[in-house]
Amino acid sequence: MAKLKRDIGLIGLTFISVGGIIGSGWLFGPLLAVQHAGPAAILSWIIGAAAMFILAITFAEISAMLPIPGGIARVPQFSHGNIVSMAMGWTAWIGYNTTAPIEVEAMLKYLAPYAPWLHAAETGDLTGAGVAVALVFMLLFVAVNALGVKFFTHVNAVLTWAKIAIPVILSVLLIATRFDAQNFTRPDGFAPYGLQGIMAAVSTGGVIFSFIGFRHVVDMAGEVRNPKFAIPAALVLSILLCAAIYLGLQIAFIGALDPQMIHAGWASLSFGGQGPLDGVIMSVGILWFLSLLNIGSVIGPFGNGLVATGSNARIAMALSQNGFLPKRLQMLSSFGVPLWALALNFLIGILFLLTVPFTTVIALNGAAIVLSFAVGPIAVVCLRDLLPDHPRSIRIPAVKLVGLSAFAIATLIVYWSGWDTVWRLGIALIVGMVLLLIRFHNRLDEMDVTEALWLVPYFGGIGLISLLGQFGDGALKQIPFGWDILLCILFSAVIFALAIRSALPARKFNAYIAEEEVLHPAKPVIGL
């Protein structure tokens, strides 16, 4: 059987992460952030980058030590067994399967002024021709990935260079053309909405969600050359680079605004039917850049769809290795690519595109992906005990404190996604659990129930806090802002301690890890 090819180097892996982080969000993030925080949105981007850095380094230690495909789905198998790995892998898989349809529809929306026949004039839905074009783009995502990881990384690198260059050039042009430093203190000072506004920009202003694309490094880890160095380096470099790009664009956006635009306050800043960057570009008079911005608005979603398609094939492969999906999905083509997994995901993506409303797909995408982050901070602590002597190229100091902080950040991300998103996540998890029971109906004794019991209070607690909290349509808003964040942190500490105590015993761990080729264990890894 063909094996995965380790053809991804440091630059290619960094670009995979950057390509996943910088999508279409940069087109709207500067406006959303200042509407919540005013000029202090600059601090929001710094806080968001720091929070995601803490979360990313927990995955860096694990993935550098266990460079396996679909790590978000596979790693929990080694720390907590098959039920936890199913829950995290299933949510990530569902989220990734919605990404390609979302990005394709986003591309077609940006192309609508040039191709009005793509959408129905009355409803805005895709026409038959629009659906056909969408399917062609989704098939193109599959085709590029099917030609091997080396070809994929080359194509992604070209796209990512454009995704980096366009916002950087725009930032420089805006600062050079019009930069009014007084915009940072008017009309109500640097932080007109205080700490609450700054944190609101982090949570609901799009800041934290602009960084979650780093996860693709974890999913593609099984195909990385020199993973002990490349994986942590790529995670760190991509977050720092993207933070600099976002921060520079936010500063340029604020400085380029006409003072009349903000005379009624930052919360009232609006550009009518225009995109915020289009409006600023027209305001300062660099109209020629609009064409380049339009190109960027198509390249961004296309690059995200391409990367997500590749990552999702590795998630499906990992779920197959865990016993949740059919073994056929582990089969690799002559290019070293899980072709059956790509085909299955393509069909599911078509199903989402044709049957589920666009707004529902977006909500499910956010809900499903953010929850999968919770596994890294727990697993990194558990694997310190389960694999104490295994070489680590990066070793997090004060790992329990960092892990707890990262787990709290992951929990807050889920909470910030809003009640209208969290309840959809609950439905997705129930569906996944039913499928798991069907899959294991003849061997229920093989299910790692004890190690997964902490999921019950965790999912239930998040749901309850979300329902009573401040975020999302339908939330009852019974817990005041600030107290809700404190409650999430305290709740996270309790669940984190419970999850650490629920790690696999040595006997089960050795059985699972012995199946993983990356360690090539000739004998039990830890004593029984």
Protein backbone atom coordinates (compact mmCIF):
# COMPACT_ATOMS: atom_id res chain seq x y z
CA MET A 1 0.00 0.00 0.00
CA ALA A 2 1.21 3.50 -0.83
CA LYS A 3 2.29 5.68 2.05
CA LEU A 4 1.89 9.33 2.78
CA LYS A 5 4.72 11.33 1.27
CA ARG A 6 6.57 13.74 3.53
CA ASP A 7 6.94 16.43 0.89
CA ILE A 8 5.94 19.53 2.88
CA GLY A 9 8.82 21.71 4.05
CA LEU A 10 8.83 24.63 6.48
CA ILE A 11 7.88 27.27 3.91
CA GLY A 12 5.13 25.12 2.42
CA LEU A 13 3.72 24.30 5.86
CA THR A 14 3.86 27.94 6.95
CA PHE A 15 1.98 28.93 3.81
CA ILE A 16 -0.64 26.25 4.48
CA SER A 17 -1.23 27.85 7.88
CA VAL A 18 -1.14 31.42 6.53
CA GLY A 19 -3.44 30.39 3.68
CA GLY A 20 -5.88 29.00 6.22
CA ILE A 21 -5.70 32.03 8.51
CA ILE A 22 -5.99 34.78 5.89
CA GLY A 23 -9.29 34.23 4.13
CA SER A 24 -12.10 36.60 3.35
CA GLY A 25 -12.19 37.86 6.97
CA TRP A 26 -9.60 40.57 6.35
CA LEU A 27 -12.08 42.27 4.03
CA PHE A 28 -14.50 42.94 6.91
CA GLY A 29 -12.47 42.49 10.11
CA PRO A 30 -11.15 46.08 10.34
CA LEU A 31 -14.70 47.50 10.30
CA LEU A 32 -16.22 44.96 12.70
CA ALA A 33 -13.40 45.43 15.19
CA VAL A 34 -13.59 49.25 15.32
CA GLN A 35 -17.38 49.16 15.59
CA HIS A 36 -16.91 47.27 18.86
CA ALA A 37 -13.74 48.86 20.24
CA GLY A 38 -12.94 52.02 18.32
CA PRO A 39 -9.20 52.62 17.79
CA ALA A 40 -8.52 50.23 20.68
CA ALA A 41 -9.29 47.46 18.18
CA ILE A 42 -5.52 47.47 17.79
CA LEU A 43 -5.31 45.98 21.28
CA SER A 44 -8.02 43.48 20.35
CA TRP A 45 -5.87 42.09 17.54
CA ILE A 46 -2.88 41.79 19.88
CA ILE A 47 -4.98 39.99 22.51
CA GLY A 48 -6.49 37.69 19.90
CA ALA A 49 -3.09 36.80 18.46
CA ALA A 50 -1.69 36.10 21.93
CA ALA A 51 -4.66 33.89 22.81
CA MET A 52 -4.34 31.84 19.65
CA PHE A 53 -0.58 31.58 20.12
CA ILE A 54 -1.13 29.98 23.54
CA LEU A 55 -3.59 27.54 21.99
CA ALA A 56 -1.36 26.80 19.01
CA ILE A 57 1.74 25.89 21.04
CA THR A 58 -0.15 23.07 22.76
CA PHE A 59 -0.74 21.57 19.31
CA ALA A 60 2.88 22.35 18.39
CA GLU A 61 4.29 20.09 21.12
CA ILE A 62 1.91 17.25 20.25
CA SER A 63 2.18 17.40 16.46
CA ALA A 64 5.98 17.73 16.49
CA MET A 65 6.13 14.60 18.67
CA LEU A 66 3.31 12.72 16.86
CA PRO A 67 3.35 13.99 13.25
CA ILE A 68 0.30 12.06 12.10
CA PRO A 69 -2.38 12.92 9.53
CA GLY A 70 -5.63 14.36 10.85
CA GLY A 71 -4.11 15.07 14.24
CA ILE A 72 -7.21 16.78 15.67
CA ALA A 73 -9.12 13.51 15.19
CA ARG A 74 -6.28 11.08 15.88
CA VAL A 75 -4.48 12.50 18.93
CA PRO A 76 -7.50 12.17 21.31
CA GLN A 77 -7.46 8.44 20.55
CA PHE A 78 -4.15 8.21 22.39
CA SER A 79 -5.10 10.40 25.34
CA HIS A 80 -8.77 9.50 25.94
CA GLY A 81 -9.83 6.74 23.55
CA ASN A 82 -12.34 6.32 20.79
CA ILE A 83 -15.37 8.25 22.08
CA VAL A 84 -13.44 11.47 22.69
CA SER A 85 -11.57 11.11 19.41
CA MET A 86 -14.90 10.59 17.66
CA ALA A 87 -16.45 13.67 19.23
CA MET A 88 -13.54 15.94 18.33
CA GLY A 89 -12.87 14.34 14.95
CA TRP A 90 -16.54 14.28 14.02
CA THR A 91 -17.06 17.97 14.78
CA ALA A 92 -13.90 18.92 12.87
CA TRP A 93 -14.94 16.72 9.94
CA ILE A 94 -18.44 18.23 9.77
CA GLY A 95 -16.98 21.73 9.95
CA TYR A 96 -14.42 21.07 7.22
CA ASN A 97 -17.06 19.50 4.95
CA THR A 98 -18.99 22.76 5.06
CA THR A 99 -15.91 24.89 4.31
CA ALA A 100 -15.62 24.17 0.57
CA PRO A 101 -19.31 25.00 -0.14
CA ILE A 102 -19.05 28.16 1.98
CA GLU A 103 -15.90 29.39 0.25
CA VAL A 104 -17.27 28.60 -3.21
CA GLU A 105 -20.48 30.51 -2.50
CA ALA A 106 -18.40 33.40 -1.12
CA MET A 107 -16.35 33.47 -4.33
CA LEU A 108 -19.48 33.49 -6.47
CA LYS A 109 -20.99 36.31 -4.40
CA TYR A 110 -17.89 38.41 -5.06
CA LEU A 111 -18.16 37.56 -8.77
CA ALA A 112 -21.88 38.44 -8.91
CA PRO A 113 -21.38 41.98 -10.35
CA TYR A 114 -19.45 40.47 -13.25
CA ALA A 115 -21.64 37.36 -13.71
CA PRO A 116 -25.20 38.17 -12.58
CA TRP A 117 -26.44 34.91 -14.12
CA LEU A 118 -24.88 33.02 -11.20
CA HIS A 119 -27.65 34.10 -8.80
CA ALA A 120 -31.42 34.43 -9.02
CA ALA A 121 -32.42 38.11 -9.03
CA GLU A 122 -35.37 37.56 -6.68
CA THR A 123 -33.82 35.40 -3.96
CA GLY A 124 -30.06 35.70 -4.40
CA ASP A 125 -29.79 31.90 -4.43
CA LEU A 126 -27.52 30.13 -6.91
CA THR A 127 -29.11 29.43 -10.26
CA GLY A 128 -28.67 26.10 -12.03
CA ALA A 129 -25.68 27.57 -13.85
CA GLY A 130 -24.35 28.93 -10.56
CA VAL A 131 -24.56 25.48 -8.96
CA ALA A 132 -22.71 24.01 -11.93
CA VAL A 133 -19.91 26.58 -11.56
CA ALA A 134 -19.77 25.90 -7.81
CA LEU A 135 -19.38 22.17 -8.43
CA VAL A 136 -16.57 22.85 -10.90
CA PHE A 137 -14.68 24.87 -8.27
CA MET A 138 -15.22 22.18 -5.63
CA LEU A 139 -14.00 19.55 -8.08
CA LEU A 140 -10.97 21.73 -8.76
CA PHE A 141 -10.17 21.73 -5.01
CA VAL A 142 -10.24 17.92 -5.12
CA ALA A 143 -8.18 17.70 -8.31
CA VAL A 144 -5.36 19.90 -7.00
CA ASN A 145 -5.18 17.88 -3.79
CA ALA A 146 -5.41 14.57 -5.67
CA LEU A 147 -2.24 15.35 -7.64
CA GLY A 148 -0.13 15.00 -4.51
CA VAL A 149 0.91 17.10 -1.57
CA LYS A 150 3.93 18.56 -3.41
CA PHE A 151 1.76 19.94 -6.22
CA PHE A 152 -0.79 21.15 -3.68
CA THR A 153 1.82 23.08 -1.71
CA HIS A 154 3.12 24.77 -4.88
CA VAL A 155 -0.36 25.91 -5.89
CA ASN A 156 -1.15 27.04 -2.36
CA ALA A 157 2.13 28.95 -2.13
CA VAL A 158 1.26 31.00 -5.21
CA LEU A 159 -2.19 31.79 -3.84
CA THR A 160 -0.82 32.62 -0.40
CA TRP A 161 1.75 35.05 -1.77
CA ALA A 162 -1.17 36.94 -3.33
CA LYS A 163 -3.20 36.72 -0.10
CA ILE A 164 -0.26 38.24 1.79
CA ALA A 165 0.68 40.86 -0.80
CA ILE A 166 -2.74 42.42 -1.39
CA PRO A 167 -3.54 43.46 2.23
CA VAL A 168 0.08 44.50 2.83
CA ILE A 169 0.15 46.70 -0.30
CA LEU A 170 -3.22 48.15 0.63
CA SER A 171 -2.00 49.00 4.13
CA VAL A 172 1.07 50.78 2.75
CA LEU A 173 -1.00 52.67 0.17
CA LEU A 174 -3.57 53.84 2.71
CA ILE A 175 -0.90 55.03 5.15
CA ALA A 176 1.01 56.80 2.35
CA THR A 177 -2.10 58.39 0.82
CA ARG A 178 -3.99 59.55 3.90
CA PHE A 179 -3.16 58.90 7.52
CA ASP A 180 -4.86 61.08 10.12
CA ALA A 181 -3.35 60.32 13.53
CA GLN A 182 -6.15 62.25 15.24
CA ASN A 183 -8.56 59.47 14.24
CA PHE A 184 -7.04 57.39 17.04
CA THR A 185 -8.38 59.75 19.70
CA ARG A 186 -11.66 61.02 18.29
CA PRO A 187 -14.55 61.28 18.70
CA ASP A 188 -14.44 59.68 22.17
CA GLY A 189 -10.82 58.83 22.81
CA PHE A 190 -8.68 55.78 22.07
CA ALA A 191 -10.93 53.26 23.86
CA PRO A 192 -14.45 54.74 23.68
CA TYR A 193 -16.14 51.50 24.74
CA GLY A 194 -13.60 50.48 27.39
CA LEU A 195 -12.40 46.99 28.19
CA GLN A 196 -15.78 45.52 27.35
CA GLY A 197 -15.51 46.89 23.81
CA ILE A 198 -11.98 45.59 23.40
CA MET A 199 -13.00 42.09 24.47
CA ALA A 200 -16.19 42.25 22.41
CA ALA A 201 -14.04 42.90 19.33
CA VAL A 202 -11.94 39.85 20.22
CA SER A 203 -15.02 37.69 20.62
CA THR A 204 -17.73 38.88 18.23
CA GLY A 205 -15.75 41.38 16.16
CA GLY A 206 -14.12 38.63 14.15
CA VAL A 207 -10.65 38.91 15.70
CA ILE A 208 -10.38 35.48 17.32
CA PHE A 209 -11.98 33.72 14.37
CA SER A 210 -9.47 35.32 12.01
CA PHE A 211 -6.68 33.16 13.45
CA ILE A 212 -8.21 29.69 13.63
CA GLY A 213 -6.77 28.55 10.30
CA PHE A 214 -3.55 27.43 12.03
CA ARG A 215 -5.31 24.07 12.57
CA HIS A 216 -4.36 22.93 9.06
CA VAL A 217 -0.76 22.46 10.23
CA VAL A 218 -1.99 19.85 12.70
CA ASP A 219 -4.04 18.04 10.06
CA MET A 220 -1.20 17.91 7.50
CA ALA A 221 1.49 16.92 10.02
CA GLY A 222 1.79 13.39 8.62
CA GLU A 223 3.28 14.76 5.38
CA VAL A 224 5.87 17.16 6.80
CA ARG A 225 9.61 16.83 6.36
CA ASN A 226 11.52 17.31 9.60
CA PRO A 227 8.30 17.68 11.64
CA LYS A 228 10.11 18.20 14.93
CA PHE A 229 11.29 21.59 13.68
CA ALA A 230 8.90 22.51 10.87
CA ILE A 231 5.60 22.10 12.75
CA PRO A 232 6.28 24.37 15.75
CA ALA A 233 8.17 26.83 13.57
CA ALA A 234 5.32 27.02 11.04
CA LEU A 235 2.72 27.55 13.76
CA VAL A 236 4.71 30.35 15.38
CA LEU A 237 5.72 32.03 12.13
CA SER A 238 2.22 31.95 10.63
CA ILE A 239 0.52 33.45 13.68
CA LEU A 240 3.15 36.20 14.02
CA LEU A 241 3.03 37.01 10.31
CA CYS A 242 -0.75 37.10 10.15
CA ALA A 243 -0.95 39.16 13.34
CA ALA A 244 1.37 41.72 11.76
CA ILE A 245 -0.76 41.81 8.59
CA TYR A 246 -4.04 42.20 10.47
CA LEU A 247 -2.57 44.81 12.80
CA GLY A 248 -1.09 46.83 9.95
CA LEU A 249 -4.34 46.77 8.03
CA GLN A 250 -6.32 47.85 11.10
CA ILE A 251 -3.99 50.80 11.76
CA ALA A 252 -4.09 51.85 8.10
CA PHE A 253 -7.90 51.55 8.02
CA ILE A 254 -8.37 53.78 11.07
CA GLY A 255 -5.89 56.37 9.87
CA ALA A 256 -7.41 56.57 6.38
CA LEU A 257 -10.98 57.30 7.50
CA ASP A 258 -12.49 60.66 6.73
CA PRO A 259 -13.28 62.28 10.12
CA GLN A 260 -16.86 62.85 8.95
CA MET A 261 -17.33 59.09 8.78
CA ILE A 262 -16.85 58.73 12.53
CA HIS A 263 -18.42 61.93 13.83
CA ALA A 264 -21.41 59.94 15.16
CA GLY A 265 -19.20 57.41 16.91
CA TRP A 266 -17.41 54.24 15.91
CA ALA A 267 -20.41 51.99 16.44
CA SER A 268 -22.25 53.95 13.72
CA LEU A 269 -19.46 53.66 11.14
CA SER A 270 -20.96 52.29 7.94
CA PHE A 271 -20.26 52.17 4.22
CA GLY A 272 -23.78 51.52 3.00
CA GLY A 273 -23.87 48.67 0.50
CA GLN A 274 -20.12 48.82 -0.09
CA GLY A 275 -17.50 46.68 1.56
CA PRO A 276 -15.50 48.65 4.15
CA LEU A 277 -12.22 48.44 2.27
CA ASP A 278 -13.93 49.40 -1.00
CA GLY A 279 -15.37 52.43 0.76
CA VAL A 280 -12.02 53.55 2.20
CA ILE A 281 -10.24 53.00 -1.12
CA MET A 282 -12.78 55.19 -2.90
CA SER A 283 -12.61 57.78 -0.13
CA VAL A 284 -8.84 58.24 -0.43
CA GLY A 285 -8.92 58.14 -4.23
CA ILE A 286 -6.88 55.05 -5.12
CA LEU A 287 -9.63 53.65 -7.35
CA TRP A 288 -7.20 51.62 -9.45
CA PHE A 289 -6.67 49.32 -6.46
CA LEU A 290 -10.30 48.16 -6.51
CA SER A 291 -9.53 45.65 -9.27
CA LEU A 292 -6.71 44.17 -7.22
CA LEU A 293 -8.99 44.05 -4.17
CA ASN A 294 -11.59 42.16 -6.20
CA ILE A 295 -8.94 39.65 -7.23
CA GLY A 296 -8.00 39.22 -3.58
CA SER A 297 -11.63 38.73 -2.61
CA VAL A 298 -11.75 35.71 -4.92
CA ILE A 299 -8.29 34.30 -4.17
CA GLY A 300 -8.95 34.35 -0.42
CA PRO A 301 -11.97 32.02 -0.43
CA PHE A 302 -10.44 29.84 -3.16
CA GLY A 303 -7.27 29.32 -1.14
CA ASN A 304 -9.24 28.52 2.02
CA GLY A 305 -11.39 25.99 0.18
CA LEU A 306 -8.30 24.36 -1.30
CA VAL A 307 -6.53 23.99 2.06
CA ALA A 308 -9.66 22.85 3.89
CA THR A 309 -10.29 20.17 1.26
CA GLY A 310 -6.83 18.72 1.80
CA SER A 311 -7.05 18.92 5.58
CA ASN A 312 -10.47 17.30 5.65
CA ALA A 313 -9.25 14.29 3.71
CA ARG A 314 -6.71 13.69 6.51
CA ILE A 315 -9.46 14.08 9.13
CA ALA A 316 -11.56 11.42 7.36
CA MET A 317 -8.49 9.19 7.14
CA ALA A 318 -7.87 9.62 10.88
CA LEU A 319 -11.50 8.81 11.71
CA SER A 320 -11.10 5.67 9.62
CA GLN A 321 -7.99 4.72 11.60
CA ASN A 322 -10.00 5.26 14.79
CA GLY A 323 -12.59 2.76 13.52
CA PHE A 324 -15.37 5.32 13.07
CA LEU A 325 -15.38 5.49 9.26
CA PRO A 326 -14.80 2.64 6.75
CA LYS A 327 -11.24 1.35 6.37
CA ARG A 328 -11.30 2.05 2.64
CA LEU A 329 -10.75 5.74 3.45
CA GLN A 330 -7.20 4.87 4.56
CA MET A 331 -6.24 3.74 1.07
CA LEU A 332 -3.76 6.03 -0.66
CA SER A 333 -3.31 6.70 -4.35
CA SER A 334 0.01 6.46 -6.19
CA PHE A 335 0.46 10.15 -5.35
CA GLY A 336 0.27 9.30 -1.64
CA VAL A 337 -3.14 10.95 -1.24
CA PRO A 338 -6.27 9.55 0.52
CA LEU A 339 -8.31 9.65 -2.68
CA TRP A 340 -11.34 7.81 -1.29
CA ALA A 341 -11.52 10.32 1.55
CA LEU A 342 -11.37 13.20 -0.93
CA ALA A 343 -14.19 11.61 -2.94
CA LEU A 344 -16.40 11.06 0.12
CA ASN A 345 -15.88 14.61 1.34
CA PHE A 346 -16.65 15.96 -2.13
CA LEU A 347 -20.00 14.16 -2.14
CA ILE A 348 -20.87 15.42 1.35
CA GLY A 349 -19.88 18.94 0.31
CA ILE A 350 -22.27 18.70 -2.64
CA LEU A 351 -25.00 17.60 -0.24
CA PHE A 352 -24.43 20.68 1.94
CA LEU A 353 -24.32 22.94 -1.11
CA LEU A 354 -27.60 21.66 -2.55
CA THR A 355 -29.72 21.06 0.55
CA VAL A 356 -28.69 23.32 3.45
CA PRO A 357 -29.26 27.11 3.51
CA PHE A 358 -26.08 29.18 3.31
CA THR A 359 -26.55 30.89 6.71
CA THR A 360 -27.12 27.53 8.42
CA VAL A 361 -24.00 26.07 6.82
CA ILE A 362 -21.93 29.02 8.06
CA ALA A 363 -23.24 28.61 11.62
CA LEU A 364 -22.54 24.87 11.60
CA ASN A 365 -19.05 25.47 10.20
CA GLY A 366 -18.11 27.79 13.03
CA ALA A 367 -19.65 25.62 15.72
CA ALA A 368 -18.11 22.39 14.53
CA ILE A 369 -14.56 23.63 14.03
CA VAL A 370 -14.10 25.66 17.20
CA LEU A 371 -14.93 22.77 19.53
CA SER A 372 -12.18 20.58 18.12
CA PHE A 373 -9.59 22.99 19.56
CA ALA A 374 -10.42 21.86 23.09
CA VAL A 375 -8.53 18.59 22.67
CA GLY A 376 -5.02 19.98 22.29
CA PRO A 377 -4.55 21.59 25.72
CA ILE A 378 -5.82 18.45 27.47
CA ALA A 379 -3.86 15.98 25.35
CA VAL A 380 -0.55 17.81 25.74
CA VAL A 381 -0.73 17.41 29.53
CA CYS A 382 -1.91 13.78 29.41
CA LEU A 383 0.83 12.78 26.96
CA ARG A 384 3.45 14.15 29.33
CA ASP A 385 2.45 11.27 31.63
CA LEU A 386 1.72 8.69 28.93
CA LEU A 387 4.87 9.38 26.89
CA PRO A 388 7.22 10.86 29.48
CA ASP A 389 10.49 9.87 27.80
CA HIS A 390 9.61 10.38 24.17
CA PRO A 391 11.79 13.07 22.54
CA ARG A 392 10.13 16.46 22.20
CA SER A 393 11.55 19.19 19.99
CA ILE A 394 9.43 21.74 21.84
CA ARG A 395 8.61 21.36 25.50
CA ILE A 396 6.12 23.83 26.92
CA PRO A 397 7.16 25.20 30.33
CA ALA A 398 4.53 25.11 33.09
CA VAL A 399 2.54 22.85 30.80
CA LYS A 400 -0.47 22.48 33.11
CA LEU A 401 -0.88 26.24 33.48
CA VAL A 402 -0.45 26.80 29.74
CA GLY A 403 -2.78 23.89 28.99
CA LEU A 404 -5.43 25.25 31.33
CA SER A 405 -5.14 28.71 29.79
CA ALA A 406 -5.43 27.26 26.28
CA PHE A 407 -8.42 25.09 27.26
CA ALA A 408 -10.17 28.14 28.71
CA ILE A 409 -9.47 30.03 25.47
CA ALA A 410 -10.95 27.15 23.44
CA THR A 411 -14.03 27.11 25.68
CA LEU A 412 -14.45 30.87 25.32
CA ILE A 413 -14.20 30.54 21.52
CA VAL A 414 -17.08 28.06 21.59
CA TYR A 415 -19.07 30.32 23.93
CA TRP A 416 -18.38 33.42 21.83
CA SER A 417 -19.70 31.65 18.74
CA GLY A 418 -23.16 32.20 20.26
CA TRP A 419 -26.16 30.18 21.39
CA ASP A 420 -27.57 29.97 17.87
CA THR A 421 -24.33 28.23 16.88
CA VAL A 422 -23.90 26.12 20.02
CA TRP A 423 -27.31 24.44 19.76
CA ARG A 424 -26.52 23.41 16.20
CA LEU A 425 -23.28 21.95 17.47
CA GLY A 426 -25.26 19.96 20.02
CA ILE A 427 -27.40 18.45 17.26
CA ALA A 428 -24.28 17.56 15.25
CA LEU A 429 -22.79 15.83 18.30
CA ILE A 430 -25.97 13.84 18.92
CA VAL A 431 -25.95 12.68 15.30
CA GLY A 432 -22.29 11.69 15.67
CA MET A 433 -23.00 9.74 18.86
CA VAL A 434 -25.84 7.83 17.15
CA LEU A 435 -23.51 6.93 14.29
CA LEU A 436 -20.85 5.82 16.78
CA LEU A 437 -23.32 3.53 18.55
CA ILE A 438 -24.36 2.06 15.20
CA ARG A 439 -20.72 1.55 14.24
CA PHE A 440 -19.87 -0.20 17.53
CA HIS A 441 -23.21 -1.93 18.15
CA ASN A 442 -21.61 -5.38 18.10
CA ARG A 443 -18.67 -4.40 20.28
CA LEU A 444 -19.88 -1.85 22.80
CA ASP A 445 -17.32 -3.20 25.26
CA GLU A 446 -14.59 -1.66 23.08
CA MET A 447 -15.89 1.87 23.66
CA ASP A 448 -13.80 3.94 26.07
CA VAL A 449 -16.72 5.19 28.13
CA THR A 450 -14.99 5.96 31.43
CA GLU A 451 -12.39 8.16 29.75
CA ALA A 452 -15.12 10.12 27.97
CA LEU A 453 -17.48 10.87 30.85
CA TRP A 454 -16.05 14.37 31.29
CA LEU A 455 -17.57 15.28 27.91
CA VAL A 456 -21.08 15.12 29.42
CA PRO A 457 -20.64 18.00 31.90
CA TYR A 458 -18.45 19.85 29.42
CA PHE A 459 -20.95 19.86 26.56
CA GLY A 460 -23.89 20.37 28.92
CA GLY A 461 -22.13 23.21 30.76
CA ILE A 462 -21.17 25.03 27.58
CA GLY A 463 -24.73 24.72 26.34
CA LEU A 464 -26.19 26.09 29.57
CA ILE A 465 -23.73 28.99 29.86
CA SER A 466 -24.31 29.81 26.20
CA LEU A 467 -28.09 29.79 26.64
CA LEU A 468 -27.87 32.11 29.66
CA GLY A 469 -25.03 34.22 28.28
CA GLN A 470 -24.67 37.29 26.11
CA PHE A 471 -23.87 35.95 22.66
CA GLY A 472 -25.99 34.78 19.76
CA ASP A 473 -29.63 34.94 18.76
CA GLY A 474 -31.89 33.32 21.33
CA ALA A 475 -29.45 33.74 24.25
CA LEU A 476 -31.33 34.75 27.40
CA LYS A 477 -28.62 37.24 28.48
CA GLN A 478 -29.03 36.43 32.16
CA ILE A 479 -25.29 36.39 32.91
CA PRO A 480 -23.77 39.90 32.67
CA PHE A 481 -20.83 40.51 30.36
CA GLY A 482 -17.58 39.98 32.23
CA TRP A 483 -19.16 37.58 34.69
CA ASP A 484 -19.87 35.23 31.79
CA ILE A 485 -16.19 35.20 30.84
CA LEU A 486 -15.18 34.59 34.46
CA LEU A 487 -17.70 31.77 34.71
CA CYS A 488 -16.33 30.16 31.52
CA ILE A 489 -12.80 30.30 32.92
CA LEU A 490 -13.79 28.74 36.27
CA PHE A 491 -15.88 26.12 34.48
CA SER A 492 -12.93 25.34 32.21
CA ALA A 493 -10.65 24.81 35.21
CA VAL A 494 -13.02 22.23 36.71
CA ILE A 495 -13.49 20.33 33.44
CA PHE A 496 -9.76 20.51 32.65
CA ALA A 497 -8.89 18.84 35.96
CA LEU A 498 -11.57 16.19 35.39
CA ALA A 499 -10.36 15.50 31.83
CA ILE A 500 -6.73 15.09 32.94
CA ARG A 501 -7.82 12.56 35.57
CA SER A 502 -9.78 10.69 32.86
CA ALA A 503 -6.80 9.94 30.61
CA LEU A 504 -6.34 6.43 29.25
CA PRO A 505 -4.70 3.86 31.53
CA ALA A 506 -1.33 2.52 30.41
CA ARG A 507 -2.77 -0.75 29.06
CA LYS A 508 -5.17 0.95 26.65
CA PHE A 509 -2.66 3.60 25.70
CA ASN A 510 -0.05 1.03 24.71
CA ALA A 511 -2.60 -0.85 22.61
CA TYR A 512 -3.56 2.28 20.68
CA ILE A 513 -0.11 3.77 20.25
CA ALA A 514 1.29 0.45 19.02
CA GLU A 515 -0.89 0.86 15.93
CA GLU A 516 0.67 4.21 15.04
CA GLU A 517 3.60 3.82 12.66
CA VAL A 518 5.18 7.14 13.50
CA LEU A 519 6.60 5.78 16.77
CA HIS A 520 7.50 2.32 15.50
CA PRO A 521 7.21 0.87 19.03
CA ALA A 522 8.92 -2.45 19.47
CA LYS A 523 7.71 -2.82 23.03
CA PRO A 524 5.23 -1.14 25.38
CA VAL A 525 5.99 2.52 25.67
CA ILE A 526 5.26 2.81 29.38
CA GLY A 527 5.19 0.27 32.17
CA LEU A 528 2.01 -1.53 33.08
